[in-house]
Structure formats: C-alpha cells, structure tokens
N, C-alpha and C. Protein backbone atom coordinates (compact mmCIF):
# COMPACT_ATOMS: atom_id res chain seq x y z
N MET A 1 -10.48 -0.68 5.41
CA MET A 1 -9.83 -1.40 5.91
C MET A 1 -8.57 -0.70 6.74
N ASN A 2 -7.88 -0.47 7.74
CA ASN A 2 -7.13 0.71 8.07
C ASN A 2 -6.00 -0.35 8.81
N VAL A 3 -4.67 -0.05 8.78
CA VAL A 3 -3.70 -0.64 9.57
C VAL A 3 -2.72 -0.16 10.45
N ASN A 4 -2.78 1.35 10.43
CA ASN A 4 -1.91 2.22 11.12
C ASN A 4 -2.79 3.30 11.67
N SER A 5 -1.88 3.39 12.97
CA SER A 5 -2.42 4.73 13.92
C SER A 5 -2.29 5.83 12.88
N PRO A 6 -3.03 6.96 13.03
CA PRO A 6 -2.64 8.16 12.23
C PRO A 6 -2.10 9.20 13.30
N THR A 7 -1.64 8.84 14.14
CA THR A 7 -0.90 9.82 15.49
C THR A 7 0.45 9.31 15.03
N ASP A 8 0.70 8.16 14.78
CA ASP A 8 2.42 7.82 14.27
C ASP A 8 2.91 8.20 12.99
N ILE A 9 2.30 9.34 12.46
CA ILE A 9 2.99 9.79 11.14
C ILE A 9 4.57 10.60 11.30
N GLY A 10 5.15 10.34 10.73
CA GLY A 10 6.26 11.29 10.78
C GLY A 10 6.55 12.00 9.55
N ALA A 11 7.96 12.07 8.82
CA ALA A 11 8.13 12.97 7.83
C ALA A 11 8.17 11.92 6.73
N ALA A 12 8.23 12.69 5.06
CA ALA A 12 8.39 11.79 4.12
C ALA A 12 9.70 12.09 3.55
N VAL A 13 10.52 11.28 3.22
CA VAL A 13 11.87 12.07 2.75
C VAL A 13 11.87 10.99 1.52
N PRO A 14 12.43 11.33 0.05
CA PRO A 14 12.36 10.17 -1.09
C PRO A 14 13.35 9.10 -0.20
N SER A 15 12.67 8.06 -1.30
CA SER A 15 13.74 6.66 -0.77
C SER A 15 14.88 6.87 -1.73
N SER A 16 16.00 6.07 -1.37
CA SER A 16 17.16 5.85 -2.03
C SER A 16 16.95 4.86 -3.24
N ARG A 17 15.95 4.40 -2.85
CA ARG A 17 15.79 3.61 -4.26
C ARG A 17 15.70 4.53 -5.73
N PRO A 18 16.32 4.19 -6.88
CA PRO A 18 15.83 4.74 -8.16
C PRO A 18 14.69 4.66 -8.26
N PRO A 19 13.76 5.68 -8.80
CA PRO A 19 12.46 5.54 -8.84
C PRO A 19 12.42 4.82 -10.55
N SER A 20 11.21 4.56 -10.59
CA SER A 20 10.89 4.15 -11.49
C SER A 20 9.21 3.46 -11.88
N GLY A 21 9.04 4.46 -13.37
CA GLY A 21 7.21 4.46 -13.13
C GLY A 21 6.81 3.09 -14.13
N ASN A 22 7.51 1.91 -13.94
CA ASN A 22 6.62 1.09 -14.65
C ASN A 22 6.26 0.01 -13.53
N ALA A 23 5.12 -0.99 -14.12
CA ALA A 23 4.47 -1.98 -13.07
C ALA A 23 5.54 -2.95 -12.25
N ARG A 24 6.50 -3.08 -12.78
CA ARG A 24 8.05 -3.97 -12.30
C ARG A 24 9.04 -3.15 -12.08
N HIS A 25 8.79 -1.81 -11.29
CA HIS A 25 9.65 -0.93 -10.98
C HIS A 25 10.79 -1.53 -10.11
N ASP A 26 10.72 -2.01 -8.84
CA ASP A 26 11.43 -2.22 -7.90
C ASP A 26 11.20 -3.88 -7.80
N ARG A 27 12.27 -4.53 -7.27
CA ARG A 27 12.07 -5.85 -6.65
C ARG A 27 11.63 -5.41 -4.93
N GLY A 28 11.05 -6.20 -4.79
CA GLY A 28 10.31 -6.01 -3.35
C GLY A 28 9.35 -4.85 -3.06
N MET A 29 9.04 -4.37 -4.03
CA MET A 29 7.61 -3.33 -3.59
C MET A 29 6.76 -3.44 -4.43
N ILE A 30 5.60 -3.54 -4.08
CA ILE A 30 4.40 -3.62 -4.61
C ILE A 30 4.04 -2.77 -5.91
N SER A 31 3.61 -2.88 -6.89
CA SER A 31 3.19 -2.48 -8.21
C SER A 31 2.49 -1.34 -8.02
N PHE A 32 2.72 -0.45 -8.64
CA PHE A 32 1.75 1.02 -8.52
C PHE A 32 0.26 0.33 -9.18
N GLU A 33 0.08 -0.25 -9.92
CA GLU A 33 -1.07 -0.91 -10.32
C GLU A 33 -1.88 -1.33 -9.37
N LEU A 34 -1.26 -2.34 -8.44
CA LEU A 34 -1.89 -3.36 -7.36
C LEU A 34 -2.17 -2.21 -6.41
N ALA A 35 -1.45 -1.52 -6.00
CA ALA A 35 -1.63 -0.47 -4.85
C ALA A 35 -2.99 0.52 -5.15
N LYS A 36 -3.01 0.91 -6.16
CA LYS A 36 -4.52 1.55 -6.82
C LYS A 36 -5.33 0.99 -6.57
N ALA A 37 -5.26 -0.46 -6.80
CA ALA A 37 -6.50 -1.46 -7.08
C ALA A 37 -6.80 -1.86 -5.61
N LEU A 38 -6.18 -1.76 -4.80
CA LEU A 38 -6.44 -2.15 -3.39
C LEU A 38 -6.92 -0.62 -2.87
N ARG A 39 -6.63 0.52 -3.11
CA ARG A 39 -7.06 1.76 -2.78
C ARG A 39 -8.63 1.71 -3.30
N THR A 40 -8.55 1.37 -4.33
CA THR A 40 -10.16 1.45 -5.05
C THR A 40 -10.98 0.54 -4.14
N ALA A 41 -10.10 -0.57 -4.25
CA ALA A 41 -11.23 -1.65 -3.14
C ALA A 41 -11.53 -1.47 -1.90
N GLY A 42 -11.17 -0.08 -1.32
CA GLY A 42 -11.16 0.27 -0.12
C GLY A 42 -10.30 0.11 1.17
N LEU A 43 -8.67 -0.34 1.18
CA LEU A 43 -8.10 -0.36 1.65
C LEU A 43 -7.39 0.80 2.24
N ARG A 44 -7.71 1.35 3.36
CA ARG A 44 -7.21 2.85 3.74
C ARG A 44 -6.12 2.83 4.22
N TRP A 45 -5.27 4.20 4.27
CA TRP A 45 -3.68 4.33 4.63
C TRP A 45 -4.14 5.28 5.89
N ALA A 46 -3.35 4.91 7.01
CA ALA A 46 -3.25 5.90 8.39
C ALA A 46 -1.24 5.66 8.33
N PRO A 47 -1.10 6.65 7.75
CA PRO A 47 0.69 6.65 7.64
C PRO A 47 1.21 6.65 9.03
N VAL A 48 2.36 5.64 8.63
CA VAL A 48 3.49 5.70 9.96
C VAL A 48 5.08 5.63 9.37
N THR A 49 5.72 5.83 10.14
CA THR A 49 7.25 6.06 10.00
C THR A 49 7.71 4.77 8.97
N GLY A 50 8.23 4.82 8.20
CA GLY A 50 8.60 3.46 7.50
C GLY A 50 7.85 3.29 6.10
N ASP A 51 6.82 3.97 6.15
CA ASP A 51 5.74 3.88 4.98
C ASP A 51 6.62 4.39 4.18
N ARG A 52 6.47 3.48 2.59
CA ARG A 52 6.76 3.68 1.37
C ARG A 52 5.05 4.38 0.85
N PHE A 53 5.13 5.73 0.22
CA PHE A 53 4.06 5.90 -1.01
C PHE A 53 4.66 6.85 -2.22
N ARG A 54 3.91 6.98 -3.03
CA ARG A 54 3.98 7.92 -3.98
C ARG A 54 2.96 9.34 -4.19
N ILE A 55 3.22 10.41 -4.56
CA ILE A 55 2.68 11.64 -5.01
C ILE A 55 1.36 11.29 -6.26
N GLU A 56 0.52 11.39 -6.18
CA GLU A 56 0.01 11.35 -7.48
C GLU A 56 -0.75 12.43 -7.97
N ARG A 57 0.62 13.30 -8.33
CA ARG A 57 0.47 14.72 -9.27
C ARG A 57 1.42 14.62 -10.13
N GLU A 58 1.00 15.76 -11.14
CA GLU A 58 2.34 15.70 -12.10
C GLU A 58 3.58 16.07 -11.53
N GLY A 59 4.43 15.59 -12.30
CA GLY A 59 5.73 15.94 -12.08
C GLY A 59 6.15 15.08 -10.68
N PHE A 60 5.63 14.00 -10.60
CA PHE A 60 5.77 13.21 -9.49
C PHE A 60 6.27 11.62 -10.00
N ASP A 61 5.92 11.42 -11.29
CA ASP A 61 5.73 10.14 -11.71
C ASP A 61 7.17 9.24 -11.66
N GLY A 62 6.80 8.31 -10.95
CA GLY A 62 7.69 6.97 -10.52
C GLY A 62 8.49 7.06 -9.15
N ASP A 63 8.43 8.88 -8.27
CA ASP A 63 9.23 9.09 -7.44
C ASP A 63 8.67 8.41 -6.65
N VAL A 64 9.17 7.63 -5.06
CA VAL A 64 8.73 7.03 -4.17
C VAL A 64 9.34 7.56 -2.90
N PHE A 65 8.83 7.85 -1.94
CA PHE A 65 9.05 8.62 -0.89
C PHE A 65 8.71 7.72 0.48
N THR A 66 9.37 8.14 1.44
CA THR A 66 9.10 7.10 2.75
C THR A 66 9.26 7.98 4.01
N VAL A 67 8.07 7.79 4.83
CA VAL A 67 7.46 8.64 6.03
C VAL A 67 8.95 8.26 6.85
N SER A 68 8.86 9.67 7.56
CA SER A 68 10.21 9.68 8.09
C SER A 68 10.01 10.59 9.41
N ASP A 69 10.41 10.13 10.57
CA ASP A 69 10.05 11.18 11.76
C ASP A 69 11.35 12.84 11.81
N MET A 70 11.64 12.77 10.74
CA MET A 70 12.92 13.67 10.42
C MET A 70 11.99 14.74 10.28
N THR A 71 11.60 14.91 9.15
CA THR A 71 10.72 16.47 8.50
C THR A 71 8.85 16.42 8.14
N ILE A 72 8.59 15.74 8.84
CA ILE A 72 7.02 15.63 8.21
C ILE A 72 5.70 15.60 9.59
N GLU A 73 4.81 16.23 9.44
CA GLU A 73 4.05 15.86 10.59
C GLU A 73 2.57 15.95 9.71
N PRO A 74 1.66 15.37 10.04
CA PRO A 74 0.40 14.98 9.70
C PRO A 74 -0.42 16.62 10.48
N HIS A 75 -1.04 17.07 9.43
CA HIS A 75 -2.01 17.70 9.89
C HIS A 75 -3.52 17.45 9.73
N GLU A 76 -4.44 17.27 10.64
CA GLU A 76 -5.55 16.68 10.52
C GLU A 76 -6.48 18.01 10.35
N TYR A 77 -7.39 17.82 9.43
CA TYR A 77 -8.31 18.67 9.09
C TYR A 77 -9.43 18.28 8.81
N GLU A 78 -10.48 18.93 8.58
CA GLU A 78 -12.10 18.53 8.53
C GLU A 78 -12.21 17.70 7.25
N THR A 79 -11.27 18.44 6.08
CA THR A 79 -11.41 17.56 4.82
C THR A 79 -10.74 16.77 4.71
N GLY A 80 -9.73 16.23 5.85
CA GLY A 80 -8.88 15.20 5.62
C GLY A 80 -7.45 15.36 6.05
N THR A 81 -6.49 14.22 5.80
CA THR A 81 -4.93 14.12 6.71
C THR A 81 -4.24 15.06 5.66
N VAL A 82 -3.28 15.98 6.00
CA VAL A 82 -2.43 16.93 4.75
C VAL A 82 -1.20 16.49 5.30
N LEU A 83 -0.12 15.74 4.39
CA LEU A 83 1.10 15.26 5.13
C LEU A 83 2.34 16.65 4.69
N GLY A 84 2.75 17.02 5.65
CA GLY A 84 3.63 18.48 5.55
C GLY A 84 4.55 18.18 5.63
N PHE A 85 5.42 18.86 4.43
CA PHE A 85 6.97 18.48 4.36
C PHE A 85 7.62 19.76 4.86
N ASN A 86 8.07 19.37 6.23
CA ASN A 86 8.66 20.84 7.08
C ASN A 86 10.06 20.39 6.72
N GLY A 87 10.58 21.48 6.81
CA GLY A 87 11.92 21.61 6.99
C GLY A 87 12.97 20.98 5.42
N THR A 88 11.87 21.01 4.84
CA THR A 88 12.71 20.47 3.23
C THR A 88 12.62 21.48 2.36
N THR A 89 13.72 22.64 2.72
CA THR A 89 14.19 23.71 1.77
C THR A 89 14.43 23.66 0.55
N GLU A 90 14.51 22.12 -0.01
CA GLU A 90 15.24 21.95 -1.19
C GLU A 90 13.94 21.75 -2.38
N TRP A 91 12.72 21.71 -1.48
CA TRP A 91 11.62 21.72 -2.02
C TRP A 91 10.55 22.21 -2.55
N ALA A 92 9.76 22.64 -3.28
CA ALA A 92 8.92 23.51 -3.51
C ALA A 92 7.67 23.07 -3.31
N LEU A 93 7.73 21.69 -2.52
CA LEU A 93 6.27 20.99 -2.06
C LEU A 93 6.22 21.45 -0.53
N ASP A 94 5.04 21.97 0.10
CA ASP A 94 4.82 22.24 1.60
C ASP A 94 4.19 21.01 2.44
N SER A 95 3.16 20.64 1.44
CA SER A 95 2.35 19.54 1.60
C SER A 95 1.56 18.98 0.68
N VAL A 96 1.05 17.63 1.34
CA VAL A 96 0.43 17.08 -0.08
C VAL A 96 -1.05 16.38 1.01
N ALA A 97 -2.13 16.06 0.06
CA ALA A 97 -3.24 15.80 0.96
C ALA A 97 -2.96 14.20 0.48
N LEU A 98 -3.40 13.64 1.45
CA LEU A 98 -3.63 11.76 2.26
C LEU A 98 -4.02 11.34 1.20
N ASP A 99 -5.25 11.97 0.01
CA ASP A 99 -6.19 11.73 -0.95
C ASP A 99 -5.02 11.47 -2.18
N ASP A 100 -4.12 12.56 -2.31
CA ASP A 100 -3.31 12.78 -3.35
C ASP A 100 -1.86 11.71 -3.30
N SER A 101 -1.72 10.97 -2.37
CA SER A 101 -0.77 9.88 -2.18
C SER A 101 -1.30 8.64 -2.19
N LEU A 102 -0.19 7.66 -2.23
CA LEU A 102 -0.92 5.72 -2.86
C LEU A 102 0.27 5.44 -2.09
N TRP A 103 -0.35 4.74 -0.93
CA TRP A 103 0.49 3.81 0.28
C TRP A 103 0.92 2.89 -0.98
N LEU A 104 2.27 2.45 -0.70
CA LEU A 104 2.68 1.35 -1.10
C LEU A 104 2.90 0.42 -0.13
N PRO A 105 1.88 -0.63 0.33
CA PRO A 105 2.52 -1.27 1.72
C PRO A 105 3.68 -2.54 1.42
N ARG A 106 4.57 -2.56 2.36
CA ARG A 106 5.54 -3.71 2.44
C ARG A 106 5.10 -4.80 2.50
N GLU A 107 5.85 -6.41 2.61
CA GLU A 107 5.49 -7.44 2.52
C GLU A 107 5.00 -7.68 3.94
N ASP A 108 5.50 -7.10 5.21
CA ASP A 108 5.08 -7.39 6.18
C ASP A 108 3.83 -6.75 6.51
N GLN A 109 3.35 -5.71 6.28
CA GLN A 109 2.16 -5.27 6.38
C GLN A 109 1.17 -5.69 5.32
N LEU A 110 1.23 -6.21 4.22
CA LEU A 110 0.62 -7.15 3.54
C LEU A 110 -0.35 -8.55 4.21
N ARG A 111 0.91 -8.98 4.88
CA ARG A 111 0.65 -10.18 5.42
C ARG A 111 -0.12 -9.97 6.61
N GLU A 112 0.30 -8.77 7.47
CA GLU A 112 -0.54 -8.52 8.59
C GLU A 112 -2.09 -8.62 7.94
N LEU A 113 -2.20 -7.89 7.21
CA LEU A 113 -3.46 -7.26 6.62
C LEU A 113 -4.49 -8.38 6.13
N LEU A 114 -3.63 -9.55 5.67
CA LEU A 114 -4.45 -10.80 5.43
C LEU A 114 -5.04 -11.55 6.51
N ARG A 115 -3.81 -11.24 7.89
CA ARG A 115 -4.51 -11.89 8.78
C ARG A 115 -4.88 -13.15 9.18
N GLY A 116 -5.91 -13.78 9.67
CA GLY A 116 -5.91 -15.44 9.58
C GLY A 116 -6.23 -16.03 8.21
N THR A 117 -6.32 -15.57 7.28
CA THR A 117 -6.69 -15.97 5.89
C THR A 117 -5.41 -16.37 5.52
N PHE A 118 -4.08 -15.72 5.82
CA PHE A 118 -2.81 -16.17 5.63
C PHE A 118 -2.70 -17.66 6.02
N ARG A 119 -2.09 -18.30 4.87
CA ARG A 119 -1.42 -19.92 5.30
C ARG A 119 -0.27 -20.01 4.38
N SER A 120 0.67 -19.60 4.03
CA SER A 120 1.68 -19.64 3.40
C SER A 120 2.08 -18.74 2.20
N LEU A 121 3.65 -18.64 2.10
CA LEU A 121 4.42 -18.44 0.92
C LEU A 121 4.94 -19.08 0.96
N ARG A 122 5.48 -19.33 -0.85
CA ARG A 122 6.59 -20.40 -1.27
C ARG A 122 6.97 -19.76 -2.31
N ARG A 123 8.42 -20.29 -2.46
CA ARG A 123 9.20 -19.98 -3.65
C ARG A 123 8.76 -20.89 -4.56
N VAL A 124 8.22 -20.87 -5.83
CA VAL A 124 8.22 -21.94 -6.73
C VAL A 124 8.70 -21.35 -8.05
N ALA A 125 9.90 -22.48 -8.26
CA ALA A 125 10.95 -22.36 -9.18
C ALA A 125 10.86 -23.83 -9.85
N ASP A 126 10.04 -23.52 -11.04
CA ASP A 126 9.89 -24.30 -12.14
C ASP A 126 10.05 -24.71 -13.73
N GLY A 127 11.27 -24.02 -13.70
CA GLY A 127 12.34 -23.92 -14.95
C GLY A 127 11.92 -22.59 -15.40
N GLY A 128 11.39 -21.74 -15.08
CA GLY A 128 11.18 -20.43 -15.79
C GLY A 128 11.58 -19.38 -14.59
N PRO A 129 11.20 -18.17 -14.57
CA PRO A 129 11.76 -17.00 -13.99
C PRO A 129 11.10 -17.60 -12.43
N VAL A 130 12.04 -17.31 -11.65
CA VAL A 130 11.23 -17.84 -9.90
C VAL A 130 9.87 -17.00 -9.40
N ARG A 131 9.11 -17.57 -9.27
CA ARG A 131 7.69 -16.97 -8.63
C ARG A 131 7.68 -17.36 -7.34
N PHE A 132 6.42 -16.14 -6.51
CA PHE A 132 6.29 -16.51 -4.98
C PHE A 132 4.69 -16.85 -5.08
N ALA A 133 4.62 -17.53 -4.49
CA ALA A 133 2.84 -18.06 -4.27
C ALA A 133 2.75 -17.98 -2.90
N VAL A 134 1.62 -16.83 -2.78
CA VAL A 134 0.69 -16.95 -1.21
C VAL A 134 -0.40 -17.65 -1.53
N THR A 135 -0.70 -18.50 -0.56
CA THR A 135 -2.00 -19.19 -0.26
C THR A 135 -2.44 -18.90 0.98
N VAL A 136 -3.73 -18.37 0.67
CA VAL A 136 -4.51 -17.90 1.68
C VAL A 136 -5.99 -18.83 1.83
N GLU A 137 -6.67 -18.85 2.60
CA GLU A 137 -8.35 -19.80 2.78
C GLU A 137 -9.35 -18.07 2.65
N LEU A 138 -9.99 -18.59 1.60
CA LEU A 138 -11.20 -17.27 1.58
C LEU A 138 -12.70 -18.23 1.40
N ALA A 139 -13.11 -17.83 2.26
CA ALA A 139 -14.87 -18.76 2.41
C ALA A 139 -14.71 -20.20 2.18
N GLY A 140 -13.63 -20.64 3.22
CA GLY A 140 -13.31 -21.78 3.30
C GLY A 140 -12.41 -22.95 2.22
N GLU A 141 -11.95 -22.04 1.17
CA GLU A 141 -11.45 -22.57 0.00
C GLU A 141 -9.72 -21.85 0.05
N GLN A 142 -9.04 -23.01 -0.18
CA GLN A 142 -7.59 -22.52 -0.44
C GLN A 142 -7.40 -21.61 -1.76
N ARG A 143 -7.01 -20.76 -1.82
CA ARG A 143 -6.25 -20.11 -3.19
C ARG A 143 -4.96 -19.75 -2.93
N ASP A 144 -4.01 -19.85 -4.24
CA ASP A 144 -3.05 -19.14 -4.50
C ASP A 144 -3.03 -18.22 -5.24
N PHE A 145 -1.89 -17.22 -5.11
CA PHE A 145 -1.83 -15.85 -6.16
C PHE A 145 -0.19 -16.17 -5.95
N GLU A 146 0.21 -16.17 -7.20
CA GLU A 146 1.66 -16.15 -7.97
C GLU A 146 2.15 -14.50 -8.38
N ASP A 147 3.51 -14.43 -8.35
CA ASP A 147 4.27 -13.67 -8.87
C ASP A 147 5.68 -13.69 -8.50
N GLU A 148 6.08 -12.42 -9.50
CA GLU A 148 7.58 -12.92 -9.83
C GLU A 148 8.32 -11.88 -8.11
N ILE A 149 7.28 -10.80 -7.93
CA ILE A 149 7.54 -10.32 -6.75
C ILE A 149 6.70 -10.75 -5.88
N ALA A 150 7.24 -11.18 -4.60
CA ALA A 150 6.22 -11.59 -3.20
C ALA A 150 5.22 -10.48 -2.76
N GLU A 151 5.68 -9.18 -2.97
CA GLU A 151 4.66 -8.04 -2.66
C GLU A 151 3.73 -8.05 -3.55
N ASN A 152 3.59 -8.42 -4.83
CA ASN A 152 2.37 -8.40 -5.78
C ASN A 152 1.83 -9.56 -5.50
N ALA A 153 1.99 -10.81 -4.88
CA ALA A 153 1.24 -12.36 -4.62
C ALA A 153 0.78 -11.81 -3.39
N TYR A 154 1.36 -11.18 -2.21
CA TYR A 154 0.32 -10.64 -1.72
C TYR A 154 -0.35 -9.91 -1.47
N ALA A 155 -0.23 -9.10 -2.50
CA ALA A 155 -1.43 -7.69 -2.67
C ALA A 155 -2.63 -8.68 -3.53
N GLU A 156 -2.00 -9.45 -4.37
CA GLU A 156 -3.25 -10.05 -5.01
C GLU A 156 -4.16 -10.69 -4.04
N ALA A 157 -3.78 -11.46 -3.21
CA ALA A 157 -4.20 -12.14 -2.15
C ALA A 157 -5.15 -11.28 -1.70
N LEU A 158 -4.10 -10.38 -0.68
CA LEU A 158 -5.05 -9.32 -0.26
C LEU A 158 -6.42 -8.48 -0.87
N LEU A 159 -6.16 -8.19 -2.38
CA LEU A 159 -7.38 -7.85 -3.08
C LEU A 159 -8.56 -8.87 -3.08
N ALA A 160 -8.38 -9.97 -3.35
CA ALA A 160 -9.28 -10.93 -3.44
C ALA A 160 -10.11 -10.78 -2.10
N LEU A 161 -9.42 -10.62 -0.76
CA LEU A 161 -9.66 -10.59 0.17
C LEU A 161 -10.75 -9.71 0.76
N VAL A 162 -9.96 -8.24 0.39
CA VAL A 162 -10.95 -7.14 0.41
C VAL A 162 -12.26 -7.04 -0.59
N SER A 163 -12.40 -7.47 -1.97
CA SER A 163 -13.05 -7.64 -2.95
C SER A 163 -14.30 -8.72 -2.47
N SER A 164 -14.04 -9.54 -1.41
CA SER A 164 -14.62 -10.87 -0.75
C SER A 164 -15.53 -10.13 0.08
N VAL A 165 -15.27 -8.91 1.09
CA VAL A 165 -15.72 -8.84 2.33
C VAL A 165 -16.47 -7.51 2.32
N ALA A 166 -16.39 -6.78 0.70
CA ALA A 166 -16.58 -5.63 0.77
C ALA A 166 -18.24 -5.76 0.88
N VAL A 167 -19.19 -4.46 1.24
CA VAL A 167 -20.67 -4.53 1.92
C VAL A 167 -20.55 -3.65 0.37
N ASP A 168 -21.83 -3.47 -0.24
CA ASP A 168 -22.40 -2.57 -0.78
C ASP A 168 -23.15 -1.79 0.33
N LEU A 169 -22.64 -0.64 -0.02
CA LEU A 169 -23.40 0.65 0.92
C LEU A 169 -24.69 0.83 1.12
N ASP A 170 -25.13 0.48 -0.20
CA ASP A 170 -26.73 0.72 -0.39
C ASP A 170 -27.57 -0.05 0.38
N ASP A 171 -26.85 -1.55 0.76
CA ASP A 171 -27.30 -2.57 1.39
C ASP A 171 -27.42 -2.37 2.53
N VAL A 172 -26.51 -1.63 3.01
CA VAL A 172 -26.26 -1.11 4.75
C VAL A 172 -27.73 -1.11 5.21
N ASP A 173 -28.67 0.31 5.07
CA ASP A 173 -29.85 0.40 5.33
C ASP A 173 -30.83 -0.74 5.16
N GLU A 174 -30.87 -1.80 4.41
CA GLU A 174 -31.53 -2.81 4.49
C GLU A 174 -31.56 -3.58 5.65
N LEU A 175 -30.22 -3.96 6.12
CA LEU A 175 -29.51 -4.47 7.04
C LEU A 175 -30.04 -3.94 8.38
N ALA A 176 -30.05 -2.64 8.64
CA ALA A 176 -30.74 -1.91 9.55
C ALA A 176 -31.66 -2.40 10.04
C-alpha cells in the first residue's frame, strides 16, 4: 500500500515534540512498535511534507523528525529513495536511505488508508483510562480496535486490514 506521491517530499527537521523511546512516547503519535509492524506487513511510505518519521540507526533512539520543504530533497537512485538533509550545517548527517527510516503516520493518514472499511471512531470512558475505539468492517464483519491513543487504535485496525489482504507472492505465479 502506498499513500503518498514520492515527488512531493520536502525536508526533514527535528520535531518540536520532546523525543521519547518508549511505546507510549507521545499522545497523538503512533507507537514505534505499531509503525514497525505496519511496515513489516507491507505498508509502504512515499514521503510528503508534514510526515513524521524516525531514523532506524544507532544514535537516533527516540528522535522524531518531520518532513519539511525547507531543507531536504529526495534523491531517487536505482537502489531506492534517499532523504538528503540539505542545509543542516549543525548535523553530521547528510542523508538517510528510506529503508533506514520508519514512517509514523498521523491519524488522518491512517484513517485514509482504512478507506471504505472505516466505520467510526468513538471515545470509550468506562471508569478507567479513556480509550479510543476504531470500528472497521473486514470480510463483512464489524471489528473494534481499542487503545488509549487514537492513532494506535487506527494502526491496529489498519494492520488487521493489511494482513487480511496480503497475498503470498509464491501464489502469484499460480494465479497467472
């Protein structure tokens, strides 16, 4: 699944949010673990301005960056896309391969990726911590996914969707 046009990428700048390395690092941001699970399940990223990501290299633990038109441009090579950090003189980092980056999709992007399966988002307050429930329809059945962070509830639903439509590439030849 690919949500964005690769030609729209801008620059990456550190997010104004304080970095954190744990799964519940920031309210309003998908957990790193769920972002990794979505990537592993086949979700692909074509960066656009406003996208958040982290660099999956030593020394960048918990740092979150935001794509911005100000200081970066994509460099397309046969081996893949590289995010070039242009004009960031305070950095020792010149560029990073897209494969070394982990996209942290926003709530609106996750909802868009759910497309026609999305039914609702509701706030659940049953005496404990407030949770968010995302309802989707998968294979004709309504399913709920809950988390204290709305983005994580959306991500769980998207992970279920991506997993339900994944095709074993070994079977593709048999279908032809």
